[in-house]
Amino acid sequence: QVQLQESGPGLGKPSQTLSRTCTVSGGSITTNYYYWNWIRQPPGKGLEWVGAIRYSGSISYSPSLKSRPSSSTDTPQNQFTLRLASVTPADTAVYYCARSNALKTTSSVRDYNDWGQGTQVTVSS
């Protein structure tokens, strides 16, 4: 079973760039049919798919985030990273990384095979 662990600062200020890293174990980020996803849950709201990256370079993001997100992979560390620019308090959420075997742009838990435990990110001045 693939295991995922999120990391990164838990607090940011408006206009800064938020960075989240997911470390993968029990599987390789270079497996071509794996998609590596970011999903978040704002306080009091449901899950929201943020984006996905595949090792081959295929990247997709939620249109609602416009041009703010960017992603990368680190093969030696078996990690993938999300960066979200120009954050606002509306980006405050629990951020999860998750694996899927196909591109999923949904927020349905059953569409993802493995999940990290989730980490809180708060954007506040």
N, C-alpha and C. Protein backbone atom coordinates (compact mmCIF):
# COMPACT_ATOMS: atom_id res chain seq x y z
N GLN A 1 0.84 -1.18 0.00
CA GLN A 1 0.00 0.00 0.00
C GLN A 1 0.88 1.24 0.00
N VAL A 2 0.51 2.19 -0.82
CA VAL A 2 1.25 3.44 -0.90
C VAL A 2 0.88 4.30 0.29
N GLN A 3 1.87 4.87 0.91
CA GLN A 3 1.65 5.78 2.03
C GLN A 3 2.12 7.17 1.66
N LEU A 4 1.39 8.17 2.13
CA LEU A 4 1.71 9.56 1.81
C LEU A 4 1.75 10.39 3.08
N GLN A 5 2.67 11.34 3.10
CA GLN A 5 2.85 12.19 4.27
C GLN A 5 3.06 13.63 3.81
N GLU A 6 2.15 14.51 4.22
CA GLU A 6 2.26 15.92 3.85
C GLU A 6 3.20 16.65 4.80
N SER A 7 3.82 17.70 4.31
CA SER A 7 4.64 18.55 5.17
C SER A 7 4.68 19.95 4.56
N GLY A 8 5.08 20.90 5.40
CA GLY A 8 5.17 22.28 4.96
C GLY A 8 4.69 23.20 6.05
N PRO A 9 4.94 24.50 5.91
CA PRO A 9 4.50 25.46 6.93
C PRO A 9 2.99 25.43 7.11
N GLY A 10 2.57 25.57 8.33
CA GLY A 10 1.15 25.55 8.62
C GLY A 10 0.52 26.93 8.67
N LEU A 11 1.33 27.96 8.53
CA LEU A 11 0.81 29.33 8.65
C LEU A 11 1.43 30.20 7.57
N GLY A 12 0.61 31.00 6.94
CA GLY A 12 1.10 31.93 5.92
C GLY A 12 0.33 33.23 5.96
N LYS A 13 0.88 34.22 5.30
CA LYS A 13 0.24 35.54 5.25
C LYS A 13 -0.33 35.77 3.85
N PRO A 14 -1.35 36.59 3.75
CA PRO A 14 -1.92 36.91 2.42
C PRO A 14 -0.83 37.42 1.49
N SER A 15 -0.95 37.03 0.24
CA SER A 15 -0.05 37.37 -0.88
C SER A 15 1.20 36.49 -0.93
N GLN A 16 1.44 35.69 0.10
CA GLN A 16 2.61 34.80 0.07
C GLN A 16 2.33 33.58 -0.80
N THR A 17 3.35 32.78 -1.00
CA THR A 17 3.22 31.51 -1.70
C THR A 17 3.22 30.37 -0.70
N LEU A 18 2.17 29.57 -0.77
CA LEU A 18 2.01 28.40 0.09
C LEU A 18 2.69 27.21 -0.56
N SER A 19 3.42 26.44 0.21
CA SER A 19 4.12 25.27 -0.31
C SER A 19 3.76 24.04 0.52
N ARG A 20 3.36 22.98 -0.15
CA ARG A 20 3.08 21.71 0.50
C ARG A 20 3.85 20.62 -0.22
N THR A 21 4.50 19.76 0.56
CA THR A 21 5.25 18.65 0.00
C THR A 21 4.65 17.35 0.48
N CYS A 22 4.57 16.38 -0.40
CA CYS A 22 4.05 15.06 -0.05
C CYS A 22 5.15 14.03 -0.30
N THR A 23 5.51 13.31 0.74
CA THR A 23 6.51 12.27 0.64
C THR A 23 5.82 10.92 0.49
N VAL A 24 6.22 10.18 -0.52
CA VAL A 24 5.57 8.91 -0.85
C VAL A 24 6.45 7.75 -0.42
N SER A 25 5.86 6.74 0.18
CA SER A 25 6.55 5.50 0.50
C SER A 25 5.67 4.32 0.09
N GLY A 26 6.32 3.19 -0.17
CA GLY A 26 5.57 2.02 -0.59
C GLY A 26 5.21 2.05 -2.06
N GLY A 27 5.72 3.01 -2.78
CA GLY A 27 5.46 3.15 -4.21
C GLY A 27 6.35 4.24 -4.76
N SER A 28 6.48 4.30 -6.07
CA SER A 28 7.35 5.28 -6.70
C SER A 28 6.56 6.35 -7.43
N ILE A 29 6.96 7.60 -7.27
CA ILE A 29 6.28 8.67 -7.99
C ILE A 29 6.53 8.57 -9.49
N THR A 30 7.51 7.73 -9.89
CA THR A 30 7.79 7.60 -11.32
C THR A 30 6.88 6.59 -12.01
N THR A 31 6.04 5.90 -11.26
CA THR A 31 5.08 4.98 -11.86
C THR A 31 4.14 5.78 -12.74
N ASN A 32 4.15 5.48 -14.03
CA ASN A 32 3.53 6.40 -14.98
C ASN A 32 2.02 6.48 -14.87
N TYR A 33 1.37 5.44 -14.41
CA TYR A 33 -0.10 5.52 -14.35
C TYR A 33 -0.60 6.07 -13.01
N TYR A 34 0.30 6.44 -12.12
CA TYR A 34 -0.11 7.07 -10.87
C TYR A 34 -0.29 8.58 -11.09
N TYR A 35 -1.35 9.10 -10.56
CA TYR A 35 -1.55 10.54 -10.49
C TYR A 35 -1.43 10.94 -9.03
N TRP A 36 -0.73 12.04 -8.82
CA TRP A 36 -0.49 12.53 -7.46
C TRP A 36 -1.29 13.82 -7.28
N ASN A 37 -2.23 13.75 -6.35
CA ASN A 37 -3.24 14.79 -6.22
C ASN A 37 -3.09 15.62 -4.95
N TRP A 38 -3.61 16.83 -5.04
CA TRP A 38 -3.82 17.66 -3.84
C TRP A 38 -5.32 17.95 -3.73
N ILE A 39 -5.82 17.77 -2.54
CA ILE A 39 -7.22 17.98 -2.23
C ILE A 39 -7.27 18.75 -0.92
N ARG A 40 -8.18 19.68 -0.79
CA ARG A 40 -8.24 20.46 0.44
C ARG A 40 -9.66 20.53 0.95
N GLN A 41 -9.78 20.83 2.23
CA GLN A 41 -11.08 21.01 2.85
C GLN A 41 -11.07 22.27 3.69
N PRO A 42 -11.69 23.33 3.20
CA PRO A 42 -11.79 24.56 4.00
C PRO A 42 -12.67 24.33 5.22
N PRO A 43 -12.51 25.14 6.24
CA PRO A 43 -13.32 24.94 7.45
C PRO A 43 -14.81 25.04 7.15
N GLY A 44 -15.55 24.06 7.59
CA GLY A 44 -16.99 24.05 7.43
C GLY A 44 -17.48 23.72 6.04
N LYS A 45 -16.56 23.31 5.15
CA LYS A 45 -16.94 23.02 3.77
C LYS A 45 -16.50 21.61 3.39
N GLY A 46 -16.89 21.20 2.19
CA GLY A 46 -16.54 19.88 1.71
C GLY A 46 -15.16 19.85 1.07
N LEU A 47 -14.78 18.66 0.64
CA LEU A 47 -13.50 18.48 -0.02
C LEU A 47 -13.49 19.18 -1.37
N GLU A 48 -12.33 19.70 -1.74
CA GLU A 48 -12.16 20.41 -3.01
C GLU A 48 -10.88 19.91 -3.68
N TRP A 49 -11.02 19.39 -4.88
CA TRP A 49 -9.83 18.95 -5.61
C TRP A 49 -9.04 20.19 -6.06
N VAL A 50 -7.74 20.15 -5.80
CA VAL A 50 -6.89 21.29 -6.14
C VAL A 50 -6.15 21.04 -7.45
N GLY A 51 -5.53 19.87 -7.57
CA GLY A 51 -4.77 19.60 -8.77
C GLY A 51 -4.09 18.25 -8.71
N ALA A 52 -3.46 17.87 -9.82
CA ALA A 52 -2.79 16.58 -9.91
C ALA A 52 -1.59 16.70 -10.83
N ILE A 53 -0.58 15.90 -10.52
CA ILE A 53 0.61 15.84 -11.35
C ILE A 53 0.95 14.38 -11.60
N ARG A 54 1.45 14.09 -12.80
CA ARG A 54 1.94 12.76 -13.11
C ARG A 54 3.42 12.88 -13.45
N TYR A 55 4.18 11.84 -13.20
CA TYR A 55 5.62 11.93 -13.39
C TYR A 55 5.99 12.30 -14.82
N SER A 56 5.18 11.87 -15.76
CA SER A 56 5.45 12.16 -17.17
C SER A 56 5.39 13.65 -17.48
N GLY A 57 4.85 14.43 -16.54
CA GLY A 57 4.78 15.87 -16.74
C GLY A 57 3.37 16.40 -16.89
N SER A 58 2.41 15.49 -17.01
CA SER A 58 1.02 15.91 -17.12
C SER A 58 0.58 16.56 -15.82
N ILE A 59 0.01 17.76 -15.93
CA ILE A 59 -0.43 18.51 -14.75
C ILE A 59 -1.81 19.08 -15.03
N SER A 60 -2.67 19.01 -14.02
CA SER A 60 -4.01 19.60 -14.12
C SER A 60 -4.33 20.31 -12.83
N TYR A 61 -5.04 21.42 -12.93
CA TYR A 61 -5.44 22.18 -11.74
C TYR A 61 -6.92 22.53 -11.84
N SER A 62 -7.50 22.80 -10.69
CA SER A 62 -8.87 23.29 -10.66
C SER A 62 -8.92 24.66 -11.32
N PRO A 63 -9.83 24.87 -12.24
CA PRO A 63 -9.93 26.17 -12.91
C PRO A 63 -10.17 27.32 -11.94
N SER A 64 -10.76 27.01 -10.79
CA SER A 64 -11.06 28.06 -9.83
C SER A 64 -9.80 28.71 -9.27
N LEU A 65 -8.68 28.01 -9.37
CA LEU A 65 -7.43 28.54 -8.83
C LEU A 65 -6.65 29.37 -9.85
N LYS A 66 -7.15 29.42 -11.05
CA LYS A 66 -6.56 30.21 -12.13
C LYS A 66 -5.09 29.87 -12.30
N SER A 67 -4.21 30.83 -12.34
CA SER A 67 -2.80 30.58 -12.62
C SER A 67 -1.96 30.51 -11.35
N ARG A 68 -2.59 30.38 -10.21
CA ARG A 68 -1.84 30.42 -8.96
C ARG A 68 -1.05 29.16 -8.62
N PRO A 69 -1.51 27.96 -8.97
CA PRO A 69 -0.77 26.76 -8.57
C PRO A 69 0.39 26.41 -9.51
N SER A 70 1.38 25.75 -8.95
CA SER A 70 2.43 25.11 -9.72
C SER A 70 2.85 23.86 -8.97
N SER A 71 3.44 22.91 -9.67
CA SER A 71 3.78 21.63 -9.06
C SER A 71 5.12 21.13 -9.58
N SER A 72 5.73 20.24 -8.80
CA SER A 72 6.98 19.61 -9.23
C SER A 72 7.12 18.27 -8.55
N THR A 73 8.00 17.44 -9.09
CA THR A 73 8.32 16.17 -8.46
C THR A 73 9.81 16.13 -8.15
N ASP A 74 10.17 15.36 -7.16
CA ASP A 74 11.56 15.16 -6.75
C ASP A 74 11.78 13.65 -6.68
N THR A 75 12.40 13.13 -7.71
CA THR A 75 12.54 11.68 -7.80
C THR A 75 13.41 11.10 -6.70
N PRO A 76 14.59 11.64 -6.42
CA PRO A 76 15.42 11.05 -5.36
C PRO A 76 14.71 11.01 -4.00
N GLN A 77 13.93 12.04 -3.72
CA GLN A 77 13.22 12.10 -2.44
C GLN A 77 11.86 11.43 -2.50
N ASN A 78 11.44 11.02 -3.70
CA ASN A 78 10.11 10.43 -3.89
C ASN A 78 9.02 11.34 -3.35
N GLN A 79 9.09 12.59 -3.77
CA GLN A 79 8.17 13.62 -3.27
C GLN A 79 7.54 14.38 -4.43
N PHE A 80 6.41 14.98 -4.15
CA PHE A 80 5.84 15.95 -5.06
C PHE A 80 5.38 17.15 -4.25
N THR A 81 5.44 18.30 -4.89
CA THR A 81 5.22 19.55 -4.19
C THR A 81 4.20 20.40 -4.93
N LEU A 82 3.34 21.04 -4.15
CA LEU A 82 2.39 22.02 -4.65
C LEU A 82 2.80 23.39 -4.13
N ARG A 83 2.79 24.37 -5.01
CA ARG A 83 2.97 25.75 -4.60
C ARG A 83 1.75 26.55 -5.06
N LEU A 84 1.22 27.32 -4.15
CA LEU A 84 0.04 28.12 -4.45
C LEU A 84 0.39 29.57 -4.17
N ALA A 85 0.43 30.39 -5.23
CA ALA A 85 0.84 31.77 -5.11
C ALA A 85 -0.31 32.67 -4.68
N SER A 86 0.05 33.82 -4.18
CA SER A 86 -0.92 34.88 -3.86
C SER A 86 -2.07 34.37 -3.00
N VAL A 87 -1.72 33.70 -1.91
CA VAL A 87 -2.77 33.11 -1.08
C VAL A 87 -3.58 34.19 -0.37
N THR A 88 -4.80 33.83 -0.06
CA THR A 88 -5.71 34.66 0.72
C THR A 88 -6.27 33.80 1.85
N PRO A 89 -6.99 34.41 2.78
CA PRO A 89 -7.61 33.60 3.84
C PRO A 89 -8.54 32.50 3.29
N ALA A 90 -9.04 32.68 2.07
CA ALA A 90 -9.90 31.66 1.47
C ALA A 90 -9.14 30.38 1.16
N ASP A 91 -7.82 30.43 1.18
CA ASP A 91 -7.01 29.22 0.96
C ASP A 91 -6.76 28.45 2.26
N THR A 92 -7.26 28.96 3.36
CA THR A 92 -7.15 28.24 4.63
C THR A 92 -7.93 26.94 4.53
N ALA A 93 -7.26 25.83 4.84
CA ALA A 93 -7.90 24.53 4.70
C ALA A 93 -6.98 23.45 5.27
N VAL A 94 -7.54 22.26 5.42
CA VAL A 94 -6.71 21.07 5.61
C VAL A 94 -6.34 20.57 4.22
N TYR A 95 -5.07 20.43 3.99
CA TYR A 95 -4.57 19.99 2.68
C TYR A 95 -4.18 18.52 2.75
N TYR A 96 -4.68 17.75 1.79
CA TYR A 96 -4.38 16.33 1.70
C TYR A 96 -3.64 16.06 0.38
N CYS A 97 -2.72 15.11 0.42
CA CYS A 97 -2.22 14.55 -0.82
C CYS A 97 -2.82 13.15 -0.98
N ALA A 98 -3.02 12.75 -2.20
CA ALA A 98 -3.70 11.49 -2.47
C ALA A 98 -3.24 10.92 -3.80
N ARG A 99 -3.32 9.63 -3.92
CA ARG A 99 -2.94 8.93 -5.16
C ARG A 99 -4.15 8.39 -5.86
N SER A 100 -4.14 8.50 -7.17
CA SER A 100 -5.18 7.86 -7.98
C SER A 100 -4.52 7.18 -9.17
N ASN A 101 -5.24 6.25 -9.78
CA ASN A 101 -4.71 5.51 -10.92
C ASN A 101 -5.15 6.09 -12.25
N ALA A 102 -5.87 7.19 -12.18
CA ALA A 102 -6.29 7.91 -13.38
C ALA A 102 -6.51 9.35 -12.96
N LEU A 103 -6.62 10.24 -13.94
CA LEU A 103 -6.87 11.63 -13.60
C LEU A 103 -8.28 11.76 -13.06
N LYS A 104 -8.38 12.19 -11.83
CA LYS A 104 -9.66 12.42 -11.17
C LYS A 104 -9.72 13.89 -10.78
N THR A 105 -10.75 14.57 -11.16
CA THR A 105 -10.89 15.96 -10.75
C THR A 105 -12.04 16.12 -9.77
N THR A 106 -12.38 15.03 -9.14
CA THR A 106 -13.50 15.03 -8.22
C THR A 106 -13.03 15.21 -6.79
N SER A 107 -13.96 15.39 -5.90
CA SER A 107 -13.66 15.46 -4.47
C SER A 107 -14.21 14.25 -3.74
N SER A 108 -14.52 13.20 -4.47
CA SER A 108 -15.07 12.00 -3.86
C SER A 108 -13.96 11.14 -3.30
N VAL A 109 -14.08 10.80 -2.04
CA VAL A 109 -13.04 10.03 -1.37
C VAL A 109 -12.77 8.72 -2.09
N ARG A 110 -13.81 8.08 -2.60
CA ARG A 110 -13.65 6.76 -3.21
C ARG A 110 -12.90 6.79 -4.53
N ASP A 111 -12.68 7.97 -5.09
CA ASP A 111 -11.96 8.07 -6.35
C ASP A 111 -10.44 8.02 -6.16
N TYR A 112 -9.98 8.03 -4.94
CA TYR A 112 -8.56 8.07 -4.65
C TYR A 112 -8.16 6.84 -3.86
N ASN A 113 -7.03 6.27 -4.24
CA ASN A 113 -6.63 4.98 -3.68
C ASN A 113 -5.94 5.11 -2.32
N ASP A 114 -5.15 6.13 -2.17
CA ASP A 114 -4.40 6.33 -0.92
C ASP A 114 -4.41 7.81 -0.57
N TRP A 115 -4.43 8.08 0.74
CA TRP A 115 -4.49 9.45 1.23
C TRP A 115 -3.42 9.68 2.29
N GLY A 116 -2.92 10.91 2.33
CA GLY A 116 -2.16 11.35 3.49
C GLY A 116 -3.10 11.71 4.61
N GLN A 117 -2.55 12.02 5.76
CA GLN A 117 -3.39 12.28 6.94
C GLN A 117 -3.97 13.68 6.94
N GLY A 118 -3.42 14.55 6.10
CA GLY A 118 -3.92 15.92 6.04
C GLY A 118 -3.21 16.82 7.03
N THR A 119 -2.91 18.04 6.60
CA THR A 119 -2.29 19.01 7.49
C THR A 119 -2.98 20.37 7.32
N GLN A 120 -3.12 21.07 8.41
CA GLN A 120 -3.81 22.36 8.44
C GLN A 120 -2.89 23.45 7.91
N VAL A 121 -3.45 24.28 7.04
CA VAL A 121 -2.77 25.48 6.58
C VAL A 121 -3.69 26.65 6.84
N THR A 122 -3.19 27.65 7.53
CA THR A 122 -3.97 28.84 7.86
C THR A 122 -3.31 30.05 7.24
N VAL A 123 -4.09 30.83 6.51
CA VAL A 123 -3.60 32.08 5.91
C VAL A 123 -4.26 33.23 6.66
N SER A 124 -3.43 34.01 7.29
CA SER A 124 -3.95 35.09 8.11
C SER A 124 -2.91 36.18 8.24
N SER A 125 -3.39 37.41 8.28
CA SER A 125 -2.48 38.53 8.48
C SER A 125 -2.22 38.76 9.96
